[in-house]
Amino acid sequence: MLWYQKQPLLQNTCHVDLAKASSFEAYAQVFAFCSYAGQTDLMPCTQEEYLTIPLRLLREEAEKNSERIAFADSAADIKKLNGQGKIAALLSIEGPEVICCDPERLPELRAQGFRMSTLTWNADNALAGWHGGEQGLTDRGRAYVSAAQKNSIIIDVSHLSMSSFWDVVDVTINPIVASHSNCRAICEHSRNLTDDQLCAIADTGGTVGLNLYQPFLGENADFGTMRAHLEHMLTLCGETHVALGGDLDGCDLLPKGFRDLTDYATFYDYLRDCGYSENLLHCIFYDNLYRLF
């Protein structure tokens, strides 16, 4: 988003910036680099440049603001940086087209600090099927999952077709994550997860992240709608497998009352007023993803 809009990381008109994040006691952000498969009209560049150009920009912005933010690729890094009052920046890719869907390039990706990867975005590819289709995991996709997990890269099942999801569950040896997906029982959308899928993710030791995109929450979505999805996830997955997966600056339509990153504090207060304990809130807002890393 900073690349598209030519804005700085410190303070901008996007959902996320360093000034907005400064109000939090401890904060870590997963920055997702998206392939935008099939939508190269957004920027005239190759698929790989959707990774290399914004990654270079993020590193430059982090260097300019080194007193506020630094890169992390482990829980120890996150703890150290947050203890210093700094934001911990973690890296993921959303659509492996940015590395040509090549399992052999995952060690290179890990060496650059990446810790998470989806298998698709909004189209089928050489690895798997997207949520709007029926294709399952390919042989190359299975090799990708194996190589990612050998390199401590967490597989993100958001955006997958139903067939591909269950193929991943069959072959995974590590916890998996649905970084930004909601509950299909509450909102019937192909990007949302069925009850069986939610349970399966928790069974791997993984985590589900609450998405803030209105079409995935439901019509006239507000804090109450967000809470309904959270409580359904908590009932099925348990208190240690649910987190925040806002997709901020990756989506435009947010629920009523939610404008940007700072409104997570408002949502925290809302949930506390609804009776959520401080321990549960800490699990959802920080500890569960911290443990995953």
Protein backbone atom coordinates (compact mmCIF):
# COMPACT_ATOMS: atom_id res chain seq x y z
CA MET A 1 0.00 0.00 0.00
CA LEU A 2 2.86 2.39 0.76
CA TRP A 3 4.34 1.57 -2.64
CA TYR A 4 1.06 2.20 -4.48
CA GLN A 5 0.28 5.42 -2.67
CA LYS A 6 3.84 6.73 -2.29
CA GLN A 7 3.41 7.24 1.45
CA PRO A 8 5.86 6.77 4.35
CA LEU A 9 5.60 4.14 7.08
CA LEU A 10 5.90 6.63 9.92
CA GLN A 11 2.62 8.44 9.34
CA ASN A 12 0.18 8.01 6.47
CA THR A 13 -3.49 7.76 5.52
CA CYS A 14 -3.47 3.94 5.44
CA HIS A 15 -4.80 1.63 8.15
CA VAL A 16 -1.33 0.97 9.57
CA ASP A 17 1.58 3.26 10.38
CA LEU A 18 4.17 3.60 13.12
CA ALA A 19 2.46 6.57 14.72
CA LYS A 20 -0.79 4.62 15.10
CA ALA A 21 1.09 1.61 16.49
CA SER A 22 2.94 3.70 19.07
CA SER A 23 -0.04 3.65 21.44
CA PHE A 24 0.30 -0.11 22.04
CA GLU A 25 2.31 -1.52 24.93
CA ALA A 26 3.66 -4.29 22.70
CA TYR A 27 3.07 -4.70 18.98
CA ALA A 28 4.13 -7.06 16.23
CA GLN A 29 2.97 -6.85 12.60
CA VAL A 30 3.04 -9.49 9.88
CA PHE A 31 3.63 -7.66 6.59
CA ALA A 32 2.18 -9.69 3.71
CA PHE A 33 3.60 -9.35 0.20
CA CYS A 34 0.81 -10.21 -2.22
CA SER A 35 1.22 -11.52 -5.76
CA TYR A 36 -1.97 -9.90 -7.05
CA ALA A 37 -2.11 -12.80 -9.50
CA GLY A 38 -3.93 -11.81 -12.65
CA GLN A 39 -4.10 -8.13 -11.63
CA THR A 40 -0.77 -6.81 -12.88
CA ASP A 41 -2.56 -3.70 -14.14
CA LEU A 42 -2.30 -2.40 -10.55
CA MET A 43 1.38 -1.77 -11.14
CA PRO A 44 3.31 -2.37 -14.38
CA CYS A 45 5.80 -4.94 -13.15
CA THR A 46 6.54 -8.66 -13.07
CA GLN A 47 5.10 -10.99 -10.45
CA GLU A 48 8.45 -11.24 -8.66
CA GLU A 49 8.68 -7.45 -8.46
CA TYR A 50 5.52 -7.49 -6.32
CA LEU A 51 7.90 -8.94 -3.72
CA THR A 52 11.24 -7.31 -4.44
CA ILE A 53 10.13 -3.68 -4.87
CA PRO A 54 7.89 -3.32 -1.78
CA LEU A 55 10.31 -5.42 0.31
CA ARG A 56 13.09 -3.01 -0.57
CA LEU A 57 10.79 -0.12 0.33
CA LEU A 58 9.87 -1.66 3.70
CA ARG A 59 13.51 -2.23 4.57
CA GLU A 60 14.31 1.38 3.68
CA GLU A 61 11.40 2.64 5.79
CA ALA A 62 12.43 0.44 8.71
CA GLU A 63 15.97 1.80 8.50
CA LYS A 64 14.67 5.39 8.55
CA ASN A 65 12.67 4.55 11.68
CA SER A 66 15.05 2.15 13.37
CA GLU A 67 14.29 3.60 16.81
CA ARG A 68 10.66 2.45 16.37
CA ILE A 69 10.70 -0.78 14.31
CA ALA A 70 12.99 -3.70 13.43
CA PHE A 71 12.64 -7.06 11.74
CA ALA A 72 11.97 -10.27 13.66
CA ASP A 73 11.72 -13.87 12.57
CA SER A 74 11.35 -15.65 15.92
CA ALA A 75 9.52 -15.33 19.21
CA ALA A 76 12.82 -14.40 20.86
CA ASP A 77 13.23 -11.50 18.42
CA ILE A 78 9.66 -10.32 19.04
CA LYS A 79 10.13 -10.41 22.81
CA LYS A 80 13.46 -8.58 22.63
CA LEU A 81 12.17 -5.82 20.32
CA ASN A 82 8.92 -5.30 22.20
CA GLY A 83 10.94 -5.13 25.42
CA GLN A 84 12.93 -2.30 23.85
CA GLY A 85 9.70 -0.49 23.00
CA LYS A 86 10.05 -1.31 19.30
CA ILE A 87 7.58 -2.81 16.84
CA ALA A 88 8.51 -6.27 15.59
CA ALA A 89 8.05 -6.66 11.83
CA LEU A 90 7.55 -10.18 10.46
CA LEU A 91 7.27 -11.15 6.79
CA SER A 92 4.90 -13.36 4.80
CA ILE A 93 3.96 -13.92 1.19
CA GLU A 94 0.36 -14.09 0.01
CA GLY A 95 0.57 -15.88 -3.33
CA PRO A 96 3.79 -17.81 -4.12
CA GLU A 97 3.75 -16.50 -7.68
CA VAL A 98 6.24 -13.94 -6.33
CA ILE A 99 8.79 -16.80 -6.19
CA CYS A 100 7.39 -18.62 -9.24
CA CYS A 101 5.69 -21.20 -6.97
CA ASP A 102 9.10 -22.84 -6.66
CA PRO A 103 9.69 -24.98 -3.54
CA GLU A 104 13.44 -24.81 -4.12
CA ARG A 105 13.40 -21.06 -3.48
CA LEU A 106 12.00 -21.41 0.04
CA PRO A 107 15.43 -21.58 1.73
CA GLU A 108 16.22 -18.27 0.01
CA LEU A 109 12.92 -16.84 1.24
CA ARG A 110 13.60 -18.01 4.79
CA ALA A 111 17.07 -16.47 4.67
CA GLN A 112 15.40 -13.14 3.90
CA GLY A 113 13.40 -13.47 7.12
CA PHE A 114 10.05 -14.79 5.84
CA ARG A 115 8.05 -16.89 8.29
CA MET A 116 4.68 -17.50 6.61
CA SER A 117 3.31 -18.33 3.16
CA THR A 118 -0.07 -18.97 1.62
CA LEU A 119 -0.31 -21.42 -1.28
CA THR A 120 -2.66 -19.31 -3.42
CA TRP A 121 -4.25 -15.91 -3.65
CA ASN A 122 -7.41 -15.44 -5.73
CA ALA A 123 -6.61 -17.88 -8.53
CA ASP A 124 -5.53 -21.48 -9.04
CA ASN A 125 -1.79 -21.88 -9.51
CA ALA A 126 0.85 -24.59 -9.83
CA LEU A 127 0.53 -25.47 -6.14
CA ALA A 128 -3.16 -25.53 -5.23
CA GLY A 129 -6.69 -24.34 -5.88
CA TRP A 130 -8.13 -21.04 -4.69
CA HIS A 131 -11.23 -20.68 -2.51
CA GLY A 132 -13.51 -20.05 -5.49
CA GLY A 133 -12.62 -23.34 -7.20
CA GLU A 134 -12.27 -27.06 -6.63
CA GLN A 135 -8.64 -27.86 -7.48
CA GLY A 136 -6.71 -29.70 -4.81
CA LEU A 137 -3.08 -29.66 -3.79
CA THR A 138 -0.75 -30.63 -6.66
CA ASP A 139 2.40 -32.73 -6.31
CA ARG A 140 4.36 -29.49 -6.52
CA GLY A 141 2.11 -28.09 -3.81
CA ARG A 142 2.90 -31.02 -1.55
CA ALA A 143 6.61 -30.44 -2.14
CA TYR A 144 6.08 -26.75 -1.31
CA VAL A 145 4.38 -27.56 2.01
CA SER A 146 7.16 -29.97 2.94
CA ALA A 147 9.94 -27.55 1.98
CA ALA A 148 8.27 -24.65 3.78
CA GLN A 149 7.90 -26.59 7.00
CA LYS A 150 11.48 -27.85 6.83
CA ASN A 151 12.53 -24.21 6.62
CA SER A 152 10.32 -23.06 9.55
CA ILE A 153 7.90 -21.24 7.26
CA ILE A 154 4.31 -21.54 8.51
CA ILE A 155 1.75 -22.63 5.93
CA ASP A 156 -1.19 -20.22 5.72
CA VAL A 157 -4.38 -21.89 4.46
CA SER A 158 -6.38 -18.70 3.92
CA HIS A 159 -7.53 -18.43 0.27
CA LEU A 160 -7.44 -22.21 -0.31
CA SER A 161 -10.14 -24.32 -1.90
CA MET A 162 -11.84 -26.89 0.29
CA SER A 163 -9.99 -29.74 -1.46
CA SER A 164 -6.62 -28.04 -1.11
CA PHE A 165 -7.26 -27.28 2.56
CA TRP A 166 -7.89 -30.91 3.43
CA ASP A 167 -4.92 -32.02 1.34
CA VAL A 168 -2.73 -29.69 3.41
CA VAL A 169 -4.18 -31.09 6.64
CA ASP A 170 -3.31 -34.58 5.40
CA VAL A 171 0.35 -33.76 4.75
CA THR A 172 1.24 -31.13 7.36
CA ILE A 173 3.70 -32.01 10.10
CA ASN A 174 3.60 -28.58 11.80
CA PRO A 175 0.86 -26.24 13.00
CA ILE A 176 -0.91 -24.38 10.19
CA VAL A 177 -2.59 -20.98 10.28
CA ALA A 178 -5.57 -19.34 8.60
CA SER A 179 -4.18 -15.85 8.97
CA HIS A 180 -7.28 -13.94 7.88
CA SER A 181 -10.43 -16.07 7.60
CA ASN A 182 -13.76 -16.03 9.43
CA CYS A 183 -16.58 -18.49 10.21
CA ARG A 184 -18.77 -19.81 7.42
CA ALA A 185 -21.45 -20.76 9.95
CA ILE A 186 -21.97 -17.03 10.55
CA CYS A 187 -21.24 -15.65 7.09
CA GLU A 188 -21.59 -17.93 4.05
CA HIS A 189 -18.56 -16.97 1.96
CA SER A 190 -16.01 -19.20 0.25
CA ARG A 191 -13.17 -17.35 2.01
CA ASN A 192 -14.58 -18.36 5.40
CA LEU A 193 -13.98 -21.63 7.23
CA THR A 194 -16.42 -24.40 8.06
CA ASP A 195 -16.65 -25.73 11.60
CA ASP A 196 -14.69 -28.83 10.58
CA GLN A 197 -11.92 -26.66 9.13
CA LEU A 198 -11.70 -24.53 12.27
CA CYS A 199 -11.37 -27.64 14.42
CA ALA A 200 -8.77 -29.14 12.09
CA ILE A 201 -6.55 -26.05 12.30
CA ALA A 202 -6.67 -26.11 16.09
CA ASP A 203 -5.92 -29.85 16.06
CA THR A 204 -2.62 -29.13 14.27
CA GLY A 205 -1.75 -26.67 17.03
CA GLY A 206 -2.40 -23.77 14.66
CA THR A 207 -4.23 -20.47 14.84
CA VAL A 208 -7.13 -18.70 13.13
CA GLY A 209 -7.03 -14.91 12.64
CA LEU A 210 -10.20 -12.77 12.68
CA ASN A 211 -10.55 -10.94 9.34
CA LEU A 212 -12.04 -7.42 9.38
CA TYR A 213 -13.26 -7.34 5.77
CA GLN A 214 -17.01 -6.61 5.86
CA PRO A 215 -18.05 -9.16 3.19
CA PHE A 216 -16.40 -11.91 5.28
CA LEU A 217 -18.06 -10.75 8.50
CA GLY A 218 -21.61 -10.26 7.26
CA GLU A 219 -24.05 -7.57 6.28
CA ASN A 220 -23.95 -4.38 8.41
CA ALA A 221 -20.98 -5.75 10.34
CA ASP A 222 -20.00 -4.05 13.59
CA PHE A 223 -18.15 -4.92 16.81
CA GLY A 224 -20.99 -7.28 17.72
CA THR A 225 -20.48 -9.16 14.44
CA MET A 226 -16.75 -9.40 15.08
CA ARG A 227 -17.46 -10.73 18.55
CA ALA A 228 -19.86 -13.35 17.14
CA HIS A 229 -17.13 -14.70 14.85
CA LEU A 230 -14.60 -14.65 17.69
CA GLU A 231 -16.88 -16.54 20.04
CA HIS A 232 -17.63 -19.18 17.41
CA MET A 233 -13.89 -19.63 16.86
CA LEU A 234 -13.24 -19.80 20.59
CA THR A 235 -15.96 -22.42 21.07
CA LEU A 236 -14.54 -24.66 18.33
CA CYS A 237 -10.82 -23.95 18.49
CA GLY A 238 -10.23 -23.12 22.14
CA GLU A 239 -8.78 -20.01 23.75
CA THR A 240 -5.19 -20.66 22.63
CA HIS A 241 -5.88 -20.93 18.88
CA VAL A 242 -7.61 -17.63 18.00
CA ALA A 243 -5.91 -14.36 17.05
CA LEU A 244 -6.24 -11.13 15.07
CA GLY A 245 -5.91 -11.33 11.29
CA GLY A 246 -7.33 -7.99 10.24
CA ASP A 247 -6.05 -7.82 6.64
CA LEU A 248 -5.62 -4.10 7.29
CA ASP A 249 -4.45 -2.26 4.17
CA GLY A 250 -5.34 -5.45 2.32
CA CYS A 251 -9.06 -4.67 2.38
CA ASP A 252 -11.14 -1.52 2.12
CA LEU A 253 -14.54 -2.17 3.74
CA LEU A 254 -14.17 -2.41 7.52
CA PRO A 255 -16.93 -3.01 10.11
CA LYS A 256 -18.81 -0.09 11.60
CA GLY A 257 -16.70 1.63 14.25
CA PHE A 258 -13.38 0.34 12.90
CA ARG A 259 -11.26 2.84 10.94
CA ASP A 260 -7.64 1.80 11.39
CA LEU A 261 -5.14 0.04 13.62
CA THR A 262 -5.91 2.17 16.66
CA ASP A 263 -9.43 0.74 16.86
CA TYR A 264 -8.05 -2.58 18.05
CA ALA A 265 -7.76 -0.79 21.41
CA THR A 266 -11.42 0.19 21.17
CA PHE A 267 -12.35 -3.41 20.31
CA TYR A 268 -10.26 -4.64 23.26
CA ASP A 269 -12.21 -2.38 25.62
CA TYR A 270 -15.48 -3.51 24.05
CA LEU A 271 -14.67 -7.18 24.64
CA ARG A 272 -13.55 -6.49 28.21
CA ASP A 273 -16.85 -4.72 28.85
CA CYS A 274 -18.60 -7.82 27.43
CA GLY A 275 -16.95 -9.92 30.13
CA TYR A 276 -13.79 -11.20 28.42
CA SER A 277 -11.05 -11.76 31.00
CA GLU A 278 -7.68 -10.03 30.71
CA ASN A 279 -6.06 -13.45 30.23
CA LEU A 280 -8.33 -14.32 27.30
CA LEU A 281 -7.83 -10.88 25.74
CA HIS A 282 -4.06 -11.25 25.98
CA CYS A 283 -4.33 -14.65 24.28
CA ILE A 284 -6.37 -13.27 21.38
CA PHE A 285 -4.50 -10.00 20.96
CA TYR A 286 -0.92 -11.22 21.41
CA ASP A 287 0.00 -14.47 23.12
CA ASN A 288 -1.46 -16.99 20.68
CA LEU A 289 0.45 -15.77 17.62
CA TYR A 290 3.52 -15.16 19.78
CA ARG A 291 3.42 -18.83 20.82
CA LEU A 292 2.95 -19.92 17.20
CA PHE A 293 6.14 -18.12 16.17
